[in-house]
Amino acid sequence: MKAGEKQYKCVNSRTGYAIYYHSLGRGLNNEEVKAELEKIRTRVAIQNGIYLETLYWEEMKQDAELTQ
C-alpha cells in the first residue's frame, strides 16, 4: 500500500470473495469517494456478468504493526 492512499476491495456478497481491489487518494471527500467507487462497482459488475446489487465495497485497514 502506498502512503496517503485508502485501499478498498469489491466483494461479491453471494460468494464472500473479493473480486476487485482499488486505491484512492486520501484527499478526496466522502462524496467523491462514493462516486468513484460506484462507477467502478458498475464496471466490475458489467465485466463479470454479476448483478450490481450483490457487490459492495469494504475499506481495507492497514495493520498498525507489521510482524517481521
N, C-alpha and C. Protein backbone atom coordinates (compact mmCIF):
# COMPACT_ATOMS: atom_id res chain seq x y z
N MET A 1 0.83 -1.18 0.00
CA MET A 1 0.00 0.00 0.00
C MET A 1 0.88 1.25 0.00
N LYS A 2 0.47 2.21 -0.74
CA LYS A 2 1.20 3.46 -0.77
C LYS A 2 0.68 4.35 0.36
N ALA A 3 1.59 5.12 0.94
CA ALA A 3 1.19 6.06 1.98
C ALA A 3 0.29 7.12 1.36
N GLY A 4 -0.72 7.55 2.08
CA GLY A 4 -1.61 8.59 1.59
C GLY A 4 -2.73 8.07 0.72
N GLU A 5 -2.90 6.75 0.65
CA GLU A 5 -3.99 6.18 -0.13
C GLU A 5 -4.85 5.29 0.75
N LYS A 6 -6.11 5.23 0.42
CA LYS A 6 -7.02 4.28 1.07
C LYS A 6 -7.22 3.13 0.11
N GLN A 7 -7.24 1.94 0.65
CA GLN A 7 -7.40 0.73 -0.14
C GLN A 7 -8.82 0.18 0.06
N TYR A 8 -9.44 -0.25 -1.03
CA TYR A 8 -10.78 -0.81 -0.99
C TYR A 8 -10.81 -2.13 -1.73
N LYS A 9 -11.72 -3.01 -1.32
CA LYS A 9 -11.95 -4.24 -2.07
C LYS A 9 -13.43 -4.35 -2.36
N CYS A 10 -13.73 -4.80 -3.57
CA CYS A 10 -15.10 -5.01 -4.01
C CYS A 10 -15.42 -6.48 -3.76
N VAL A 11 -16.48 -6.72 -2.97
CA VAL A 11 -16.82 -8.06 -2.52
C VAL A 11 -18.15 -8.50 -3.13
N ASN A 12 -18.18 -9.75 -3.58
CA ASN A 12 -19.41 -10.35 -4.07
C ASN A 12 -20.12 -10.94 -2.85
N SER A 13 -21.27 -10.41 -2.50
CA SER A 13 -21.97 -10.84 -1.29
C SER A 13 -22.48 -12.28 -1.39
N ARG A 14 -22.67 -12.79 -2.58
CA ARG A 14 -23.12 -14.18 -2.72
C ARG A 14 -22.03 -15.18 -2.39
N THR A 15 -20.78 -14.85 -2.75
CA THR A 15 -19.68 -15.78 -2.53
C THR A 15 -18.81 -15.38 -1.35
N GLY A 16 -18.80 -14.09 -1.03
CA GLY A 16 -17.93 -13.59 0.03
C GLY A 16 -16.52 -13.30 -0.45
N TYR A 17 -16.26 -13.49 -1.75
CA TYR A 17 -14.92 -13.28 -2.30
C TYR A 17 -14.73 -11.85 -2.76
N ALA A 18 -13.53 -11.33 -2.54
CA ALA A 18 -13.14 -10.04 -3.11
C ALA A 18 -12.81 -10.28 -4.57
N ILE A 19 -13.41 -9.48 -5.45
CA ILE A 19 -13.17 -9.69 -6.87
C ILE A 19 -12.45 -8.52 -7.53
N TYR A 20 -12.25 -7.44 -6.78
CA TYR A 20 -11.56 -6.28 -7.35
C TYR A 20 -10.99 -5.44 -6.21
N TYR A 21 -9.81 -4.88 -6.44
CA TYR A 21 -9.16 -4.01 -5.46
C TYR A 21 -8.90 -2.65 -6.11
N HIS A 22 -9.02 -1.59 -5.30
CA HIS A 22 -8.81 -0.25 -5.83
C HIS A 22 -8.27 0.67 -4.74
N SER A 23 -7.43 1.62 -5.13
CA SER A 23 -6.86 2.62 -4.21
C SER A 23 -7.33 4.00 -4.60
N LEU A 24 -7.60 4.82 -3.60
CA LEU A 24 -7.98 6.22 -3.82
C LEU A 24 -7.16 7.10 -2.89
N GLY A 25 -6.83 8.30 -3.35
CA GLY A 25 -6.09 9.25 -2.53
C GLY A 25 -6.90 9.72 -1.35
N ARG A 26 -6.24 10.03 -0.28
CA ARG A 26 -6.92 10.48 0.94
C ARG A 26 -7.48 11.90 0.80
N GLY A 27 -7.09 12.62 -0.22
CA GLY A 27 -7.54 13.99 -0.40
C GLY A 27 -8.96 14.12 -0.90
N LEU A 28 -9.59 13.02 -1.26
CA LEU A 28 -10.96 13.07 -1.77
C LEU A 28 -11.96 13.16 -0.61
N ASN A 29 -13.03 13.92 -0.82
CA ASN A 29 -14.07 13.97 0.21
C ASN A 29 -14.98 12.75 0.07
N ASN A 30 -15.88 12.54 1.01
CA ASN A 30 -16.73 11.35 1.04
C ASN A 30 -17.58 11.20 -0.22
N GLU A 31 -18.12 12.30 -0.73
CA GLU A 31 -18.95 12.24 -1.92
C GLU A 31 -18.14 11.81 -3.14
N GLU A 32 -16.92 12.32 -3.26
CA GLU A 32 -16.06 11.94 -4.38
C GLU A 32 -15.67 10.47 -4.30
N VAL A 33 -15.39 9.99 -3.10
CA VAL A 33 -15.04 8.58 -2.91
C VAL A 33 -16.22 7.71 -3.30
N LYS A 34 -17.41 8.04 -2.82
CA LYS A 34 -18.61 7.25 -3.14
C LYS A 34 -18.87 7.22 -4.64
N ALA A 35 -18.73 8.37 -5.31
CA ALA A 35 -18.98 8.44 -6.74
C ALA A 35 -17.97 7.59 -7.52
N GLU A 36 -16.71 7.67 -7.16
CA GLU A 36 -15.67 6.90 -7.84
C GLU A 36 -15.87 5.40 -7.63
N LEU A 37 -16.15 4.99 -6.40
CA LEU A 37 -16.35 3.58 -6.12
C LEU A 37 -17.62 3.05 -6.81
N GLU A 38 -18.64 3.86 -6.92
CA GLU A 38 -19.87 3.43 -7.60
C GLU A 38 -19.62 3.21 -9.09
N LYS A 39 -18.83 4.09 -9.72
CA LYS A 39 -18.50 3.92 -11.14
C LYS A 39 -17.75 2.60 -11.35
N ILE A 40 -16.81 2.33 -10.48
CA ILE A 40 -16.00 1.12 -10.61
C ILE A 40 -16.84 -0.12 -10.32
N ARG A 41 -17.71 -0.06 -9.33
CA ARG A 41 -18.58 -1.18 -9.00
C ARG A 41 -19.46 -1.54 -10.19
N THR A 42 -19.99 -0.53 -10.87
CA THR A 42 -20.81 -0.76 -12.05
C THR A 42 -20.00 -1.44 -13.15
N ARG A 43 -18.80 -0.94 -13.38
CA ARG A 43 -17.93 -1.52 -14.41
C ARG A 43 -17.58 -2.97 -14.09
N VAL A 44 -17.25 -3.25 -12.83
CA VAL A 44 -16.90 -4.61 -12.41
C VAL A 44 -18.09 -5.55 -12.59
N ALA A 45 -19.28 -5.10 -12.25
CA ALA A 45 -20.48 -5.92 -12.41
C ALA A 45 -20.71 -6.26 -13.88
N ILE A 46 -20.59 -5.27 -14.75
CA ILE A 46 -20.80 -5.49 -16.18
C ILE A 46 -19.75 -6.44 -16.74
N GLN A 47 -18.49 -6.21 -16.43
CA GLN A 47 -17.41 -7.03 -16.97
C GLN A 47 -17.48 -8.47 -16.50
N ASN A 48 -18.03 -8.70 -15.32
CA ASN A 48 -18.08 -10.04 -14.77
C ASN A 48 -19.46 -10.69 -14.84
N GLY A 49 -20.44 -9.99 -15.41
CA GLY A 49 -21.77 -10.54 -15.54
C GLY A 49 -22.43 -10.82 -14.19
N ILE A 50 -22.20 -9.92 -13.24
CA ILE A 50 -22.73 -10.08 -11.88
C ILE A 50 -23.79 -9.02 -11.64
N TYR A 51 -24.86 -9.40 -10.97
CA TYR A 51 -25.91 -8.45 -10.60
C TYR A 51 -25.30 -7.36 -9.72
N LEU A 52 -25.50 -6.12 -10.08
CA LEU A 52 -24.89 -4.98 -9.41
C LEU A 52 -25.14 -4.95 -7.91
N GLU A 53 -26.35 -5.30 -7.50
CA GLU A 53 -26.71 -5.20 -6.08
C GLU A 53 -26.02 -6.25 -5.20
N THR A 54 -25.33 -7.22 -5.81
CA THR A 54 -24.61 -8.21 -4.99
C THR A 54 -23.19 -7.77 -4.68
N LEU A 55 -22.75 -6.64 -5.24
CA LEU A 55 -21.40 -6.14 -5.00
C LEU A 55 -21.41 -5.00 -4.00
N TYR A 56 -20.43 -4.99 -3.14
CA TYR A 56 -20.28 -3.87 -2.20
C TYR A 56 -18.79 -3.65 -1.94
N TRP A 57 -18.46 -2.48 -1.41
CA TRP A 57 -17.09 -2.09 -1.11
C TRP A 57 -16.80 -2.22 0.38
N GLU A 58 -15.58 -2.65 0.69
CA GLU A 58 -15.06 -2.64 2.06
C GLU A 58 -13.73 -1.90 2.03
N GLU A 59 -13.52 -1.03 3.01
CA GLU A 59 -12.22 -0.39 3.13
C GLU A 59 -11.27 -1.36 3.81
N MET A 60 -10.08 -1.48 3.26
CA MET A 60 -9.08 -2.38 3.83
C MET A 60 -8.25 -1.60 4.85
N LYS A 61 -8.15 -2.12 6.03
CA LYS A 61 -7.41 -1.45 7.10
C LYS A 61 -5.97 -1.97 7.11
N GLN A 62 -5.03 -1.05 7.23
CA GLN A 62 -3.63 -1.43 7.32
C GLN A 62 -3.30 -1.70 8.78
N ASP A 63 -2.62 -2.79 9.05
CA ASP A 63 -2.21 -3.11 10.41
C ASP A 63 -1.25 -2.05 10.93
N ALA A 64 -1.44 -1.67 12.18
CA ALA A 64 -0.58 -0.66 12.80
C ALA A 64 0.85 -1.18 12.94
N GLU A 65 0.97 -2.44 13.26
CA GLU A 65 2.31 -3.02 13.41
C GLU A 65 2.41 -4.20 12.48
N LEU A 66 3.55 -4.28 11.81
CA LEU A 66 3.79 -5.40 10.93
C LEU A 66 4.76 -6.35 11.59
N THR A 67 4.48 -7.63 11.53
CA THR A 67 5.40 -8.61 12.09
C THR A 67 6.52 -8.85 11.11
N GLN A 68 7.68 -9.07 11.63
CA GLN A 68 8.86 -9.27 10.78
C GLN A 68 9.32 -10.68 10.83
